[in-house]
């Protein structure tokens, strides 16, 4: 196995929410690999606020929950939700969860894996603020309209982070 050919690059969304230079908290970003959709839906059914479900692969799922929480609240909730343990532990230590929103590209800029698929939206009422910058990214980047639920929530924040990062191929992950 040529290690260099197994290194990929992609763009991801950060969990961090800011208002100006002030850090407000994190949204919950969950990564589910090799899990049936119905099981993921059961896990997220009771989450307060706006939740987004996106397929990340044939058997993988990404969940965004736009409720703004502290690092510790986000960390504890992620463990309770049975998200990918390694992804969650590393993210907690770094105090920054990131989920892929773009395709995975190889060293030749060829697409190794497409961007996560279409989004599905679920919501439960809450008084906790939802992340406005994450909502705006969903609206602009994925052309999703939140007309029926947007007026039910309070929003906070004016920016988040998009990050380019390196990852590895599925084949290398199996070897690790």
N, C-alpha and C. Protein backbone atom coordinates (compact mmCIF):
# COMPACT_ATOMS: atom_id res chain seq x y z
N UNK A 1 0.85 -1.17 0.00
CA UNK A 1 0.00 0.00 0.00
C UNK A 1 0.89 1.24 0.00
N UNK A 2 0.66 2.12 -0.96
CA UNK A 2 1.39 3.38 -1.04
C UNK A 2 0.69 4.39 -0.14
N UNK A 3 1.34 4.70 0.98
CA UNK A 3 0.72 5.57 1.98
C UNK A 3 0.32 6.93 1.42
N UNK A 4 1.14 7.50 0.57
CA UNK A 4 0.84 8.82 0.01
C UNK A 4 -0.46 8.81 -0.80
N UNK A 5 -0.74 7.72 -1.49
CA UNK A 5 -1.96 7.65 -2.29
C UNK A 5 -3.21 7.46 -1.43
N UNK A 6 -3.03 7.17 -0.16
CA UNK A 6 -4.16 6.95 0.75
C UNK A 6 -4.54 8.21 1.51
N UNK A 7 -3.77 9.29 1.33
CA UNK A 7 -4.05 10.55 2.01
C UNK A 7 -4.97 11.39 1.15
N UNK A 8 -6.04 11.88 1.76
CA UNK A 8 -7.08 12.63 1.05
C UNK A 8 -7.26 13.99 1.69
N UNK A 9 -7.90 14.89 0.96
CA UNK A 9 -8.18 16.23 1.47
C UNK A 9 -9.66 16.53 1.29
N UNK A 10 -10.22 17.26 2.24
CA UNK A 10 -11.63 17.63 2.15
C UNK A 10 -11.88 18.93 2.93
N UNK A 11 -13.10 19.41 2.86
CA UNK A 11 -13.53 20.60 3.60
C UNK A 11 -14.59 20.17 4.59
N UNK A 12 -14.48 20.72 5.80
CA UNK A 12 -15.45 20.38 6.84
C UNK A 12 -15.96 21.62 7.54
N UNK A 13 -17.07 21.43 8.23
CA UNK A 13 -17.69 22.49 9.03
C UNK A 13 -17.28 22.28 10.49
N UNK A 14 -16.97 23.35 11.18
CA UNK A 14 -16.60 23.29 12.59
C UNK A 14 -17.85 23.39 13.46
N UNK A 15 -17.75 22.86 14.65
CA UNK A 15 -18.84 22.95 15.62
C UNK A 15 -18.91 24.32 16.29
N UNK A 16 -17.87 25.11 16.15
CA UNK A 16 -17.77 26.37 16.89
C UNK A 16 -18.72 27.45 16.36
N UNK A 17 -19.28 28.20 17.30
CA UNK A 17 -20.18 29.31 16.98
C UNK A 17 -19.63 30.57 17.66
N UNK A 18 -19.52 31.65 16.88
CA UNK A 18 -18.99 32.91 17.38
C UNK A 18 -19.98 34.04 17.12
N UNK A 19 -19.91 35.07 17.96
CA UNK A 19 -20.53 36.37 17.69
C UNK A 19 -19.38 37.37 17.75
N UNK A 20 -18.98 37.86 16.59
CA UNK A 20 -17.78 38.68 16.54
C UNK A 20 -16.59 37.85 16.96
N UNK A 21 -15.83 38.36 17.94
CA UNK A 21 -14.69 37.61 18.47
C UNK A 21 -15.07 36.74 19.67
N UNK A 22 -16.32 36.82 20.10
CA UNK A 22 -16.77 36.07 21.28
C UNK A 22 -17.21 34.67 20.89
N UNK A 23 -16.64 33.69 21.56
CA UNK A 23 -17.01 32.30 21.36
C UNK A 23 -18.28 32.00 22.15
N UNK A 24 -19.32 31.50 21.47
CA UNK A 24 -20.60 31.22 22.13
C UNK A 24 -20.75 29.77 22.57
N UNK A 25 -20.16 28.83 21.84
CA UNK A 25 -20.29 27.42 22.16
C UNK A 25 -20.18 26.57 20.91
N UNK A 26 -20.68 25.33 21.02
CA UNK A 26 -20.58 24.35 19.95
C UNK A 26 -21.97 23.85 19.56
N UNK A 27 -22.11 23.46 18.30
CA UNK A 27 -23.26 22.64 17.92
C UNK A 27 -22.79 21.19 17.98
N UNK A 28 -23.73 20.29 18.01
CA UNK A 28 -23.43 18.86 18.08
C UNK A 28 -23.25 18.33 16.66
N UNK A 29 -22.08 17.76 16.38
CA UNK A 29 -21.80 17.13 15.10
C UNK A 29 -21.48 15.66 15.36
N UNK A 30 -22.32 14.79 14.83
CA UNK A 30 -22.17 13.35 15.09
C UNK A 30 -21.83 12.61 13.80
N UNK A 31 -20.97 11.61 13.92
CA UNK A 31 -20.54 10.79 12.79
C UNK A 31 -20.89 9.34 13.09
N UNK A 32 -21.74 8.77 12.26
CA UNK A 32 -22.15 7.38 12.42
C UNK A 32 -21.67 6.58 11.22
N UNK A 33 -20.85 5.56 11.49
CA UNK A 33 -20.38 4.67 10.43
C UNK A 33 -21.03 3.30 10.62
N UNK A 34 -21.38 2.67 9.53
CA UNK A 34 -21.93 1.30 9.54
C UNK A 34 -23.13 1.17 10.46
N UNK A 35 -24.09 2.09 10.29
CA UNK A 35 -25.28 2.07 11.12
C UNK A 35 -26.51 2.27 10.24
N UNK A 36 -27.56 1.53 10.53
CA UNK A 36 -28.80 1.68 9.78
C UNK A 36 -29.43 3.03 10.08
N UNK A 37 -30.06 3.59 9.06
CA UNK A 37 -30.68 4.91 9.21
C UNK A 37 -31.71 4.93 10.34
N UNK A 38 -32.50 3.90 10.47
CA UNK A 38 -33.55 3.87 11.50
C UNK A 38 -32.94 3.97 12.89
N UNK A 39 -31.77 3.39 13.09
CA UNK A 39 -31.11 3.46 14.40
C UNK A 39 -30.59 4.88 14.67
N UNK A 40 -30.05 5.52 13.64
CA UNK A 40 -29.59 6.90 13.79
C UNK A 40 -30.79 7.80 14.12
N UNK A 41 -31.90 7.59 13.41
CA UNK A 41 -33.09 8.39 13.66
C UNK A 41 -33.59 8.22 15.10
N UNK A 42 -33.53 7.00 15.62
CA UNK A 42 -33.92 6.78 17.01
C UNK A 42 -33.00 7.54 17.97
N UNK A 43 -31.71 7.57 17.64
CA UNK A 43 -30.75 8.27 18.49
C UNK A 43 -31.04 9.77 18.55
N UNK A 44 -31.44 10.36 17.44
CA UNK A 44 -31.58 11.82 17.38
C UNK A 44 -33.01 12.31 17.57
N UNK A 45 -33.96 11.39 17.72
CA UNK A 45 -35.39 11.75 17.75
C UNK A 45 -35.74 12.77 18.83
N UNK A 46 -35.08 12.72 19.96
CA UNK A 46 -35.44 13.58 21.09
C UNK A 46 -34.53 14.80 21.25
N UNK A 47 -33.59 14.98 20.34
CA UNK A 47 -32.69 16.13 20.48
C UNK A 47 -33.47 17.44 20.39
N UNK A 48 -33.20 18.37 21.31
CA UNK A 48 -33.87 19.66 21.23
C UNK A 48 -33.31 20.49 20.07
N UNK A 49 -34.17 21.27 19.44
CA UNK A 49 -33.73 22.16 18.38
C UNK A 49 -33.80 21.53 17.01
N UNK A 50 -33.01 22.09 16.10
CA UNK A 50 -33.01 21.68 14.70
C UNK A 50 -31.92 20.65 14.48
N UNK A 51 -32.29 19.50 13.92
CA UNK A 51 -31.33 18.45 13.60
C UNK A 51 -31.34 18.19 12.11
N UNK A 52 -30.15 17.95 11.57
CA UNK A 52 -29.95 17.69 10.15
C UNK A 52 -29.33 16.31 10.02
N UNK A 53 -29.87 15.49 9.14
CA UNK A 53 -29.32 14.17 8.86
C UNK A 53 -28.87 14.14 7.41
N UNK A 54 -27.63 13.68 7.18
CA UNK A 54 -27.07 13.58 5.81
C UNK A 54 -26.35 12.26 5.66
N UNK A 55 -26.58 11.55 4.56
CA UNK A 55 -25.78 10.34 4.33
C UNK A 55 -24.35 10.73 3.98
N UNK A 56 -23.37 10.09 4.62
CA UNK A 56 -21.97 10.37 4.33
C UNK A 56 -21.35 9.28 3.48
N UNK A 57 -22.01 8.13 3.42
CA UNK A 57 -21.59 7.00 2.59
C UNK A 57 -22.77 6.04 2.52
N UNK A 58 -22.56 4.88 1.93
CA UNK A 58 -23.66 3.92 1.80
C UNK A 58 -24.20 3.48 3.16
N UNK A 59 -23.34 3.42 4.17
CA UNK A 59 -23.77 2.99 5.51
C UNK A 59 -23.37 3.98 6.60
N UNK A 60 -23.08 5.22 6.20
CA UNK A 60 -22.65 6.22 7.17
C UNK A 60 -23.56 7.43 7.16
N UNK A 61 -23.58 8.13 8.30
CA UNK A 61 -24.49 9.27 8.47
C UNK A 61 -23.79 10.38 9.23
N UNK A 62 -24.10 11.60 8.87
CA UNK A 62 -23.66 12.78 9.61
C UNK A 62 -24.90 13.47 10.17
N UNK A 63 -24.80 13.90 11.41
CA UNK A 63 -25.90 14.62 12.08
C UNK A 63 -25.35 15.95 12.58
N UNK A 64 -26.09 17.01 12.28
CA UNK A 64 -25.84 18.33 12.85
C UNK A 64 -27.03 18.63 13.74
N UNK A 65 -26.80 19.03 14.98
CA UNK A 65 -27.87 19.55 15.81
C UNK A 65 -27.47 20.98 16.14
N UNK A 66 -28.28 21.95 15.73
CA UNK A 66 -27.91 23.35 15.77
C UNK A 66 -28.02 24.02 17.13
N UNK A 67 -28.43 23.29 18.16
CA UNK A 67 -28.51 23.85 19.51
C UNK A 67 -27.10 24.16 20.01
N UNK A 68 -26.91 25.37 20.51
CA UNK A 68 -25.59 25.79 21.00
C UNK A 68 -25.41 25.30 22.44
N UNK A 69 -24.28 24.60 22.66
CA UNK A 69 -23.98 24.02 23.96
C UNK A 69 -22.53 24.32 24.35
N UNK A 70 -22.20 24.05 25.61
CA UNK A 70 -20.81 24.14 26.05
C UNK A 70 -20.04 22.93 25.51
N UNK A 71 -18.73 23.00 25.61
CA UNK A 71 -17.88 21.88 25.19
C UNK A 71 -18.23 20.62 25.98
N UNK A 72 -18.39 20.74 27.29
CA UNK A 72 -18.68 19.56 28.11
C UNK A 72 -20.06 18.98 27.81
N UNK A 73 -21.05 19.84 27.62
CA UNK A 73 -22.39 19.36 27.25
C UNK A 73 -22.33 18.63 25.90
N UNK A 74 -21.60 19.20 24.96
CA UNK A 74 -21.47 18.60 23.64
C UNK A 74 -20.75 17.25 23.75
N UNK A 75 -19.69 17.21 24.54
CA UNK A 75 -18.93 15.98 24.71
C UNK A 75 -19.76 14.87 25.34
N UNK A 76 -20.46 15.18 26.39
CA UNK A 76 -21.28 14.18 27.08
C UNK A 76 -22.42 13.69 26.18
N UNK A 77 -23.08 14.62 25.51
CA UNK A 77 -24.19 14.24 24.65
C UNK A 77 -23.72 13.36 23.49
N UNK A 78 -22.56 13.68 22.91
CA UNK A 78 -22.02 12.86 21.84
C UNK A 78 -21.77 11.43 22.27
N UNK A 79 -21.29 11.24 23.50
CA UNK A 79 -21.08 9.88 24.02
C UNK A 79 -22.41 9.15 24.18
N UNK A 80 -23.40 9.85 24.68
CA UNK A 80 -24.72 9.24 24.87
C UNK A 80 -25.38 8.86 23.55
N UNK A 81 -25.00 9.56 22.47
CA UNK A 81 -25.64 9.35 21.17
C UNK A 81 -24.95 8.26 20.35
N UNK A 82 -23.95 7.60 20.88
CA UNK A 82 -23.25 6.50 20.21
C UNK A 82 -22.60 6.93 18.89
N UNK A 83 -22.12 8.15 18.86
CA UNK A 83 -21.38 8.62 17.70
C UNK A 83 -20.01 7.93 17.66
N UNK A 84 -19.33 8.00 16.52
CA UNK A 84 -18.01 7.42 16.34
C UNK A 84 -17.11 7.83 17.51
N UNK A 85 -16.70 6.86 18.33
CA UNK A 85 -16.00 7.16 19.58
C UNK A 85 -14.65 7.83 19.35
N UNK A 86 -13.87 7.37 18.39
CA UNK A 86 -12.56 7.97 18.14
C UNK A 86 -12.71 9.41 17.66
N UNK A 87 -13.60 9.62 16.69
CA UNK A 87 -13.86 10.98 16.18
C UNK A 87 -14.28 11.89 17.33
N UNK A 88 -15.14 11.38 18.17
CA UNK A 88 -15.68 12.18 19.27
C UNK A 88 -14.60 12.49 20.32
N UNK A 89 -13.79 11.50 20.67
CA UNK A 89 -12.76 11.70 21.69
C UNK A 89 -11.70 12.72 21.22
N UNK A 90 -11.25 12.56 19.99
CA UNK A 90 -10.25 13.49 19.45
C UNK A 90 -10.84 14.90 19.36
N UNK A 91 -12.08 14.99 18.92
CA UNK A 91 -12.74 16.30 18.79
C UNK A 91 -12.90 16.97 20.15
N UNK A 92 -13.25 16.20 21.16
CA UNK A 92 -13.40 16.74 22.51
C UNK A 92 -12.06 17.28 23.01
N UNK A 93 -10.98 16.51 22.81
CA UNK A 93 -9.66 16.97 23.24
C UNK A 93 -9.26 18.26 22.53
N UNK A 94 -9.58 18.37 21.25
CA UNK A 94 -9.24 19.55 20.46
C UNK A 94 -10.23 20.69 20.70
N UNK A 95 -11.34 20.38 21.36
CA UNK A 95 -12.42 21.34 21.58
C UNK A 95 -12.93 21.90 20.25
N UNK A 96 -13.07 21.00 19.28
CA UNK A 96 -13.57 21.38 17.95
C UNK A 96 -13.99 20.12 17.21
N UNK A 97 -15.28 19.98 16.99
CA UNK A 97 -15.79 18.88 16.19
C UNK A 97 -15.87 19.36 14.74
N UNK A 98 -15.52 18.50 13.80
CA UNK A 98 -15.58 18.85 12.38
C UNK A 98 -16.24 17.70 11.64
N UNK A 99 -17.17 18.04 10.74
CA UNK A 99 -17.77 17.05 9.85
C UNK A 99 -17.57 17.51 8.41
N UNK A 100 -17.31 16.54 7.58
CA UNK A 100 -17.07 16.79 6.16
C UNK A 100 -18.32 17.33 5.49
N UNK A 101 -18.14 18.36 4.66
CA UNK A 101 -19.24 18.86 3.84
C UNK A 101 -18.90 18.80 2.35
N UNK A 102 -17.64 18.54 2.06
CA UNK A 102 -17.20 18.46 0.66
C UNK A 102 -16.81 17.06 0.28
N UNK A 103 -16.46 16.87 -0.98
CA UNK A 103 -15.96 15.55 -1.41
C UNK A 103 -14.58 15.30 -0.84
N UNK A 104 -14.20 14.03 -0.76
CA UNK A 104 -12.82 13.68 -0.42
C UNK A 104 -12.05 13.60 -1.73
N UNK A 105 -10.91 14.31 -1.79
CA UNK A 105 -10.10 14.38 -3.00
C UNK A 105 -8.75 13.74 -2.77
N UNK A 106 -8.27 13.00 -3.79
CA UNK A 106 -6.94 12.40 -3.68
C UNK A 106 -5.86 13.41 -4.06
N UNK A 107 -4.62 12.97 -4.08
CA UNK A 107 -3.49 13.87 -4.34
C UNK A 107 -3.54 14.48 -5.74
N UNK A 108 -4.29 13.87 -6.65
CA UNK A 108 -4.42 14.39 -8.02
C UNK A 108 -5.66 15.25 -8.17
N UNK A 109 -6.33 15.56 -7.06
CA UNK A 109 -7.56 16.34 -7.04
C UNK A 109 -8.74 15.61 -7.69
N UNK A 110 -8.64 14.29 -7.78
CA UNK A 110 -9.75 13.47 -8.28
C UNK A 110 -10.64 13.09 -7.10
N UNK A 111 -11.92 12.97 -7.37
CA UNK A 111 -12.87 12.66 -6.30
C UNK A 111 -12.76 11.20 -5.88
N UNK A 112 -12.40 10.98 -4.63
CA UNK A 112 -12.33 9.65 -4.04
C UNK A 112 -13.71 9.26 -3.49
N UNK A 113 -14.36 10.22 -2.84
CA UNK A 113 -15.69 9.99 -2.27
C UNK A 113 -16.48 11.28 -2.42
N UNK A 114 -17.74 11.20 -2.86
CA UNK A 114 -18.53 12.43 -3.05
C UNK A 114 -18.86 13.11 -1.72
N UNK A 115 -19.29 14.35 -1.81
CA UNK A 115 -19.75 15.08 -0.63
C UNK A 115 -20.95 14.35 -0.04
N UNK A 116 -21.17 14.51 1.26
CA UNK A 116 -22.38 13.91 1.85
C UNK A 116 -23.63 14.33 1.08
N UNK A 117 -24.64 13.47 1.12
CA UNK A 117 -25.84 13.64 0.30
C UNK A 117 -26.84 14.64 0.82
N UNK A 118 -28.03 14.55 0.27
CA UNK A 118 -29.12 15.49 0.60
C UNK A 118 -29.46 15.47 2.08
N UNK A 119 -29.93 16.60 2.56
CA UNK A 119 -30.23 16.72 3.98
C UNK A 119 -31.70 16.44 4.26
N UNK A 120 -31.94 15.93 5.45
CA UNK A 120 -33.28 15.79 6.00
C UNK A 120 -33.29 16.58 7.31
N UNK A 121 -34.39 17.25 7.58
CA UNK A 121 -34.47 18.14 8.74
C UNK A 121 -35.53 17.63 9.71
N UNK A 122 -35.18 17.67 10.99
CA UNK A 122 -36.08 17.29 12.08
C UNK A 122 -35.99 18.38 13.13
N UNK A 123 -37.04 18.58 13.90
CA UNK A 123 -36.95 19.60 14.95
C UNK A 123 -37.82 19.25 16.14
N UNK A 124 -37.35 19.68 17.29
CA UNK A 124 -38.09 19.61 18.55
C UNK A 124 -37.96 20.98 19.21
N UNK A 125 -39.04 21.45 19.79
CA UNK A 125 -39.03 22.78 20.40
C UNK A 125 -38.00 22.86 21.53
N UNK A 126 -37.40 24.02 21.65
CA UNK A 126 -36.45 24.30 22.72
C UNK A 126 -36.34 25.81 22.88
N UNK A 127 -35.96 26.24 24.07
CA UNK A 127 -35.68 27.65 24.31
C UNK A 127 -34.20 27.97 24.10
N UNK A 128 -33.38 26.94 23.92
CA UNK A 128 -31.95 27.13 23.70
C UNK A 128 -31.72 27.72 22.30
N UNK A 129 -30.75 28.61 22.22
CA UNK A 129 -30.43 29.26 20.94
C UNK A 129 -29.87 28.25 19.94
N UNK A 130 -30.21 28.48 18.68
CA UNK A 130 -29.71 27.68 17.56
C UNK A 130 -28.64 28.50 16.83
N UNK A 131 -27.73 27.83 16.17
CA UNK A 131 -26.63 28.51 15.49
C UNK A 131 -27.09 29.12 14.17
N UNK A 132 -27.07 30.44 14.11
CA UNK A 132 -27.42 31.15 12.88
C UNK A 132 -26.40 30.90 11.76
N UNK A 133 -25.08 30.94 12.03
CA UNK A 133 -24.15 30.72 10.92
C UNK A 133 -24.25 29.32 10.31
N UNK A 134 -24.53 28.32 11.11
CA UNK A 134 -24.69 26.97 10.56
C UNK A 134 -25.98 26.89 9.73
N UNK A 135 -27.03 27.53 10.21
CA UNK A 135 -28.28 27.58 9.43
C UNK A 135 -28.04 28.27 8.09
N UNK A 136 -27.29 29.37 8.11
CA UNK A 136 -27.02 30.10 6.87
C UNK A 136 -26.21 29.26 5.89
N UNK A 137 -25.28 28.47 6.38
CA UNK A 137 -24.51 27.59 5.50
C UNK A 137 -25.43 26.54 4.89
N UNK A 138 -26.32 26.00 5.68
CA UNK A 138 -27.27 25.02 5.15
C UNK A 138 -28.14 25.65 4.06
N UNK A 139 -28.53 26.90 4.27
CA UNK A 139 -29.38 27.58 3.29
C UNK A 139 -28.62 27.93 2.01
N UNK A 140 -27.40 28.44 2.15
CA UNK A 140 -26.67 28.90 0.97
C UNK A 140 -25.95 27.78 0.25
N UNK A 141 -25.26 26.95 0.99
CA UNK A 141 -24.45 25.91 0.35
C UNK A 141 -25.31 24.75 -0.16
N UNK A 142 -26.37 24.45 0.57
CA UNK A 142 -27.21 23.29 0.21
C UNK A 142 -28.60 23.69 -0.27
N UNK A 143 -28.84 24.99 -0.43
CA UNK A 143 -30.09 25.53 -0.94
C UNK A 143 -31.32 24.95 -0.22
N UNK A 144 -31.23 24.80 1.09
CA UNK A 144 -32.36 24.28 1.85
C UNK A 144 -33.17 25.43 2.41
N UNK A 145 -34.48 25.32 2.33
CA UNK A 145 -35.38 26.35 2.88
C UNK A 145 -36.00 25.83 4.17
N UNK A 146 -35.89 26.64 5.21
CA UNK A 146 -36.39 26.28 6.53
C UNK A 146 -37.66 27.05 6.86
N UNK A 147 -38.47 27.34 5.90
CA UNK A 147 -39.60 28.24 6.09
C UNK A 147 -40.55 27.81 7.20
N UNK A 148 -40.80 26.54 7.37
CA UNK A 148 -41.78 26.10 8.36
C UNK A 148 -41.26 26.07 9.78
N UNK A 149 -39.96 25.92 9.97
CA UNK A 149 -39.45 25.78 11.33
C UNK A 149 -38.61 26.96 11.80
N UNK A 150 -38.11 27.75 10.89
CA UNK A 150 -37.17 28.81 11.24
C UNK A 150 -37.75 29.79 12.26
N UNK A 151 -39.03 30.12 12.16
CA UNK A 151 -39.65 31.10 13.06
C UNK A 151 -39.92 30.56 14.46
N UNK A 152 -39.73 29.27 14.66
CA UNK A 152 -40.00 28.67 15.97
C UNK A 152 -38.82 28.75 16.93
N UNK A 153 -37.67 29.22 16.45
CA UNK A 153 -36.46 29.16 17.26
C UNK A 153 -35.78 30.52 17.37
N UNK A 154 -34.99 30.67 18.43
CA UNK A 154 -34.10 31.82 18.59
C UNK A 154 -32.75 31.43 18.02
N UNK A 155 -32.07 32.38 17.38
CA UNK A 155 -30.78 32.11 16.77
C UNK A 155 -29.73 33.04 17.34
N UNK A 156 -28.50 32.57 17.37
CA UNK A 156 -27.37 33.35 17.87
C UNK A 156 -26.15 33.06 17.02
N UNK A 157 -25.21 34.00 17.06
CA UNK A 157 -23.95 33.82 16.35
C UNK A 157 -23.96 34.50 15.00
N UNK A 158 -22.75 34.80 14.52
CA UNK A 158 -22.63 35.39 13.19
C UNK A 158 -21.54 34.74 12.34
N UNK A 159 -20.82 33.77 12.94
CA UNK A 159 -19.84 33.07 12.12
C UNK A 159 -19.46 31.73 12.74
N UNK A 160 -19.00 30.85 11.87
CA UNK A 160 -18.41 29.58 12.25
C UNK A 160 -17.18 29.41 11.38
N UNK A 161 -16.60 28.25 11.37
CA UNK A 161 -15.38 28.01 10.61
C UNK A 161 -15.58 26.88 9.60
N UNK A 162 -15.07 27.08 8.40
CA UNK A 162 -14.93 26.00 7.43
C UNK A 162 -13.44 25.66 7.42
N UNK A 163 -13.11 24.40 7.48
CA UNK A 163 -11.71 24.00 7.57
C UNK A 163 -11.38 22.96 6.50
N UNK A 164 -10.25 23.17 5.84
CA UNK A 164 -9.70 22.17 4.94
C UNK A 164 -8.82 21.26 5.79
N UNK A 165 -8.99 19.97 5.66
CA UNK A 165 -8.19 19.06 6.47
C UNK A 165 -7.87 17.79 5.70
N UNK A 166 -6.91 17.05 6.24
CA UNK A 166 -6.49 15.79 5.62
C UNK A 166 -7.14 14.63 6.35
N UNK A 167 -7.47 13.61 5.59
CA UNK A 167 -8.01 12.38 6.13
C UNK A 167 -7.38 11.23 5.35
N UNK A 168 -7.81 10.03 5.60
CA UNK A 168 -7.24 8.87 4.90
C UNK A 168 -8.34 8.07 4.23
N UNK A 169 -7.94 7.23 3.31
CA UNK A 169 -8.88 6.39 2.56
C UNK A 169 -9.54 5.36 3.48
N UNK A 170 -10.66 4.83 3.03
CA UNK A 170 -11.35 3.77 3.78
C UNK A 170 -10.45 2.54 3.92
N UNK A 171 -9.66 2.27 2.88
CA UNK A 171 -8.77 1.11 2.90
C UNK A 171 -7.72 1.25 4.00
N UNK A 172 -7.14 2.44 4.12
CA UNK A 172 -6.14 2.66 5.16
C UNK A 172 -6.78 2.63 6.55
N UNK A 173 -7.99 3.15 6.66
CA UNK A 173 -8.68 3.09 7.96
C UNK A 173 -8.84 1.64 8.43
N UNK A 174 -9.15 0.75 7.49
CA UNK A 174 -9.29 -0.67 7.85
C UNK A 174 -7.98 -1.25 8.34
N UNK A 175 -6.86 -0.80 7.78
CA UNK A 175 -5.54 -1.28 8.17
C UNK A 175 -5.14 -0.78 9.56
N UNK A 176 -5.64 0.40 9.91
CA UNK A 176 -5.29 0.99 11.20
C UNK A 176 -6.08 0.31 12.29
